[in-house]
Amino acid sequence: CDTSAVVTYSGVIQPIIQQKCLNCHSGANPQGNLNFSSWAVVNTVAMNGDLPAAIQHQSPAIPMPPFGGMLPQCEIDHFLTWIQQGAPNN
């Protein structure tokens, strides 16, 4: 797991979201009213702290994913690196 390089939204974060989040967080009635098919929504929850808390299963956030345990640590590290970079649309 290499987080030393720039972690981009389009190359790293968006594919994880597409694979693991959009089943619940998209469409007409997304869970939590969060439609992650939009970078703007992902950026908002990334920068306000909700996303990093949820993927790290930190209270009081609702753990994401809610079933089956946490994301692999490498994916969590990629999210955290991207967020530390300002969660850019790159």
N, C-alpha and C. Protein backbone atom coordinates (compact mmCIF):
# COMPACT_ATOMS: atom_id res chain seq x y z
N CYS A 1 0.85 -1.18 0.00
CA CYS A 1 0.00 0.00 0.00
C CYS A 1 0.89 1.23 0.00
N ASP A 2 0.87 1.97 -1.09
CA ASP A 2 1.73 3.15 -1.22
C ASP A 2 0.89 4.41 -1.10
N THR A 3 1.10 5.15 -0.02
CA THR A 3 0.41 6.43 0.14
C THR A 3 1.39 7.59 0.04
N SER A 4 2.64 7.28 -0.36
CA SER A 4 3.63 8.35 -0.47
C SER A 4 3.42 9.20 -1.73
N ALA A 5 2.81 8.62 -2.75
CA ALA A 5 2.52 9.37 -3.97
C ALA A 5 1.21 10.14 -3.77
N VAL A 6 0.90 11.02 -4.69
CA VAL A 6 -0.35 11.76 -4.62
C VAL A 6 -1.51 10.77 -4.83
N VAL A 7 -2.43 10.78 -3.90
CA VAL A 7 -3.62 9.95 -4.01
C VAL A 7 -4.70 10.81 -4.65
N THR A 8 -5.10 10.47 -5.86
CA THR A 8 -6.08 11.29 -6.58
C THR A 8 -7.49 10.77 -6.37
N TYR A 9 -8.43 11.69 -6.52
CA TYR A 9 -9.84 11.31 -6.43
C TYR A 9 -10.19 10.37 -7.57
N SER A 10 -9.86 10.76 -8.80
CA SER A 10 -10.27 9.97 -9.96
C SER A 10 -9.56 8.63 -10.06
N GLY A 11 -8.30 8.57 -9.63
CA GLY A 11 -7.54 7.34 -9.80
C GLY A 11 -7.61 6.37 -8.65
N VAL A 12 -7.89 6.86 -7.44
CA VAL A 12 -7.85 6.00 -6.26
C VAL A 12 -9.16 6.03 -5.48
N ILE A 13 -9.63 7.21 -5.12
CA ILE A 13 -10.79 7.34 -4.23
C ILE A 13 -12.09 6.98 -4.94
N GLN A 14 -12.32 7.54 -6.11
CA GLN A 14 -13.57 7.28 -6.82
C GLN A 14 -13.78 5.80 -7.12
N PRO A 15 -12.75 5.04 -7.55
CA PRO A 15 -12.97 3.60 -7.77
C PRO A 15 -13.37 2.85 -6.48
N ILE A 16 -12.82 3.24 -5.34
CA ILE A 16 -13.23 2.60 -4.08
C ILE A 16 -14.69 2.93 -3.80
N ILE A 17 -15.05 4.19 -3.97
CA ILE A 17 -16.43 4.62 -3.74
C ILE A 17 -17.38 3.88 -4.67
N GLN A 18 -17.00 3.77 -5.94
CA GLN A 18 -17.86 3.07 -6.90
C GLN A 18 -18.06 1.61 -6.50
N GLN A 19 -17.01 0.99 -6.05
CA GLN A 19 -17.08 -0.43 -5.70
C GLN A 19 -17.77 -0.68 -4.37
N LYS A 20 -17.54 0.19 -3.39
CA LYS A 20 -17.95 -0.14 -2.03
C LYS A 20 -19.01 0.76 -1.41
N CYS A 21 -19.32 1.88 -2.04
CA CYS A 21 -20.22 2.84 -1.39
C CYS A 21 -21.50 3.12 -2.17
N LEU A 22 -21.41 3.09 -3.50
CA LEU A 22 -22.54 3.56 -4.30
C LEU A 22 -23.77 2.66 -4.26
N ASN A 23 -23.63 1.42 -3.82
CA ASN A 23 -24.82 0.58 -3.70
C ASN A 23 -25.83 1.21 -2.76
N CYS A 24 -25.35 1.88 -1.72
CA CYS A 24 -26.24 2.53 -0.75
C CYS A 24 -26.28 4.05 -0.89
N HIS A 25 -25.16 4.64 -1.31
CA HIS A 25 -25.04 6.10 -1.33
C HIS A 25 -25.13 6.65 -2.75
N SER A 26 -26.23 6.33 -3.43
CA SER A 26 -26.51 6.89 -4.75
C SER A 26 -28.00 6.72 -5.04
N GLY A 27 -28.42 7.23 -6.17
CA GLY A 27 -29.81 7.08 -6.58
C GLY A 27 -30.71 8.15 -6.00
N ALA A 28 -32.02 7.91 -6.14
CA ALA A 28 -33.01 8.90 -5.74
C ALA A 28 -33.11 9.05 -4.22
N ASN A 29 -32.86 7.98 -3.47
CA ASN A 29 -32.97 8.01 -2.01
C ASN A 29 -31.72 7.42 -1.37
N PRO A 30 -30.59 8.11 -1.48
CA PRO A 30 -29.36 7.55 -0.93
C PRO A 30 -29.38 7.48 0.60
N GLN A 31 -28.73 6.46 1.14
CA GLN A 31 -28.65 6.32 2.59
C GLN A 31 -28.03 7.57 3.20
N GLY A 32 -28.59 8.01 4.31
CA GLY A 32 -28.08 9.19 5.00
C GLY A 32 -28.21 10.46 4.19
N ASN A 33 -28.98 10.38 3.10
CA ASN A 33 -29.14 11.51 2.19
C ASN A 33 -27.79 11.97 1.62
N LEU A 34 -26.85 11.00 1.46
CA LEU A 34 -25.52 11.28 0.94
C LEU A 34 -25.32 10.55 -0.38
N ASN A 35 -25.36 11.30 -1.47
CA ASN A 35 -25.16 10.72 -2.79
C ASN A 35 -23.70 10.88 -3.18
N PHE A 36 -22.95 9.78 -3.04
CA PHE A 36 -21.52 9.81 -3.28
C PHE A 36 -21.15 9.70 -4.76
N SER A 37 -22.12 9.80 -5.65
CA SER A 37 -21.79 9.85 -7.07
C SER A 37 -21.30 11.25 -7.44
N SER A 38 -21.36 12.17 -6.49
CA SER A 38 -20.91 13.55 -6.69
C SER A 38 -19.67 13.80 -5.85
N TRP A 39 -18.58 14.30 -6.48
CA TRP A 39 -17.38 14.65 -5.73
C TRP A 39 -17.70 15.68 -4.65
N ALA A 40 -18.57 16.63 -4.94
CA ALA A 40 -18.87 17.69 -3.99
C ALA A 40 -19.40 17.14 -2.67
N VAL A 41 -20.23 16.12 -2.74
CA VAL A 41 -20.78 15.52 -1.51
C VAL A 41 -19.67 14.78 -0.77
N VAL A 42 -18.86 14.01 -1.49
CA VAL A 42 -17.76 13.27 -0.86
C VAL A 42 -16.79 14.27 -0.23
N ASN A 43 -16.48 15.34 -0.93
CA ASN A 43 -15.58 16.37 -0.40
C ASN A 43 -16.13 16.97 0.89
N THR A 44 -17.42 17.26 0.91
CA THR A 44 -18.03 17.87 2.09
C THR A 44 -17.89 16.97 3.32
N VAL A 45 -18.23 15.68 3.17
CA VAL A 45 -18.15 14.79 4.34
C VAL A 45 -16.70 14.43 4.67
N ALA A 46 -15.83 14.52 3.69
CA ALA A 46 -14.40 14.30 3.96
C ALA A 46 -13.85 15.44 4.80
N MET A 47 -14.16 16.66 4.41
CA MET A 47 -13.58 17.82 5.06
C MET A 47 -14.25 18.17 6.39
N ASN A 48 -15.50 17.76 6.59
CA ASN A 48 -16.13 18.06 7.88
C ASN A 48 -15.85 16.99 8.93
N GLY A 49 -15.12 15.93 8.53
CA GLY A 49 -14.71 14.91 9.48
C GLY A 49 -15.60 13.69 9.55
N ASP A 50 -16.77 13.76 8.92
CA ASP A 50 -17.70 12.62 8.99
C ASP A 50 -17.15 11.38 8.28
N LEU A 51 -16.58 11.56 7.10
CA LEU A 51 -16.08 10.41 6.34
C LEU A 51 -14.92 9.72 7.04
N PRO A 52 -13.88 10.44 7.47
CA PRO A 52 -12.79 9.73 8.14
C PRO A 52 -13.24 9.04 9.42
N ALA A 53 -14.16 9.66 10.16
CA ALA A 53 -14.66 9.02 11.38
C ALA A 53 -15.43 7.75 11.06
N ALA A 54 -16.26 7.80 10.02
CA ALA A 54 -17.08 6.64 9.66
C ALA A 54 -16.24 5.47 9.17
N ILE A 55 -15.25 5.74 8.32
CA ILE A 55 -14.46 4.62 7.77
C ILE A 55 -13.48 4.06 8.79
N GLN A 56 -13.21 4.82 9.86
CA GLN A 56 -12.34 4.32 10.92
C GLN A 56 -13.16 3.78 12.11
N HIS A 57 -14.48 3.77 11.95
CA HIS A 57 -15.41 3.28 12.96
C HIS A 57 -15.21 3.99 14.30
N GLN A 58 -15.10 5.32 14.23
CA GLN A 58 -14.94 6.14 15.42
C GLN A 58 -16.29 6.67 15.87
N SER A 59 -16.55 6.55 17.15
CA SER A 59 -17.78 7.05 17.72
C SER A 59 -17.75 8.58 17.72
N PRO A 60 -18.83 9.26 17.51
CA PRO A 60 -20.21 8.81 17.39
C PRO A 60 -20.65 8.55 15.94
N ALA A 61 -19.72 8.53 15.00
CA ALA A 61 -20.08 8.32 13.60
C ALA A 61 -20.69 6.94 13.39
N ILE A 62 -21.53 6.83 12.39
CA ILE A 62 -22.07 5.54 12.00
C ILE A 62 -20.98 4.81 11.23
N PRO A 63 -20.57 3.63 11.66
CA PRO A 63 -19.48 2.92 11.00
C PRO A 63 -19.82 2.59 9.54
N MET A 64 -18.86 2.83 8.67
CA MET A 64 -19.01 2.51 7.26
C MET A 64 -17.84 1.64 6.82
N PRO A 65 -18.10 0.58 6.11
CA PRO A 65 -19.44 0.07 5.83
C PRO A 65 -20.09 -0.45 7.11
N PRO A 66 -21.43 -0.45 7.14
CA PRO A 66 -22.12 -0.82 8.37
C PRO A 66 -22.09 -2.33 8.65
N PHE A 67 -21.82 -3.11 7.63
CA PHE A 67 -21.81 -4.57 7.79
C PHE A 67 -20.52 -5.13 7.23
N GLY A 68 -20.03 -6.21 7.82
CA GLY A 68 -18.88 -6.91 7.27
C GLY A 68 -17.53 -6.36 7.68
N GLY A 69 -17.48 -5.53 8.69
CA GLY A 69 -16.19 -5.02 9.14
C GLY A 69 -15.73 -3.78 8.40
N MET A 70 -14.53 -3.37 8.72
CA MET A 70 -13.97 -2.15 8.16
C MET A 70 -13.42 -2.38 6.75
N LEU A 71 -13.22 -1.28 6.05
CA LEU A 71 -12.51 -1.33 4.78
C LEU A 71 -11.09 -1.83 5.04
N PRO A 72 -10.43 -2.40 4.03
CA PRO A 72 -9.01 -2.75 4.21
C PRO A 72 -8.21 -1.52 4.63
N GLN A 73 -7.21 -1.73 5.47
CA GLN A 73 -6.43 -0.60 6.00
C GLN A 73 -5.81 0.24 4.89
N CYS A 74 -5.39 -0.39 3.81
CA CYS A 74 -4.80 0.36 2.70
C CYS A 74 -5.81 1.37 2.12
N GLU A 75 -7.06 0.95 1.97
CA GLU A 75 -8.08 1.86 1.44
C GLU A 75 -8.36 2.99 2.43
N ILE A 76 -8.39 2.68 3.72
CA ILE A 76 -8.56 3.72 4.73
C ILE A 76 -7.40 4.70 4.64
N ASP A 77 -6.20 4.19 4.53
CA ASP A 77 -5.01 5.06 4.42
C ASP A 77 -5.09 5.94 3.19
N HIS A 78 -5.59 5.40 2.07
CA HIS A 78 -5.73 6.21 0.86
C HIS A 78 -6.72 7.35 1.10
N PHE A 79 -7.87 7.04 1.72
CA PHE A 79 -8.84 8.09 2.03
C PHE A 79 -8.22 9.15 2.92
N LEU A 80 -7.54 8.73 3.98
CA LEU A 80 -6.96 9.69 4.93
C LEU A 80 -5.89 10.55 4.27
N THR A 81 -5.09 9.97 3.40
CA THR A 81 -4.08 10.74 2.67
C THR A 81 -4.74 11.77 1.77
N TRP A 82 -5.76 11.35 1.04
CA TRP A 82 -6.49 12.25 0.14
C TRP A 82 -7.12 13.39 0.93
N ILE A 83 -7.69 13.08 2.08
CA ILE A 83 -8.31 14.11 2.92
C ILE A 83 -7.26 15.07 3.44
N GLN A 84 -6.11 14.55 3.86
CA GLN A 84 -5.03 15.42 4.33
C GLN A 84 -4.52 16.36 3.23
N GLN A 85 -4.68 15.95 1.97
CA GLN A 85 -4.31 16.78 0.84
C GLN A 85 -5.38 17.81 0.50
N GLY A 86 -6.48 17.82 1.27
CA GLY A 86 -7.56 18.77 1.03
C GLY A 86 -8.71 18.18 0.24
N ALA A 87 -8.73 16.86 0.04
CA ALA A 87 -9.80 16.16 -0.69
C ALA A 87 -10.07 16.80 -2.05
N PRO A 88 -9.02 17.00 -2.86
CA PRO A 88 -9.20 17.69 -4.14
C PRO A 88 -9.95 16.87 -5.19
N ASN A 89 -10.52 17.56 -6.13
CA ASN A 89 -11.19 16.91 -7.27
C ASN A 89 -10.13 16.75 -8.37
N ASN A 90 -9.28 15.77 -8.18
CA ASN A 90 -8.18 15.56 -9.13
C ASN A 90 -8.19 14.17 -9.71
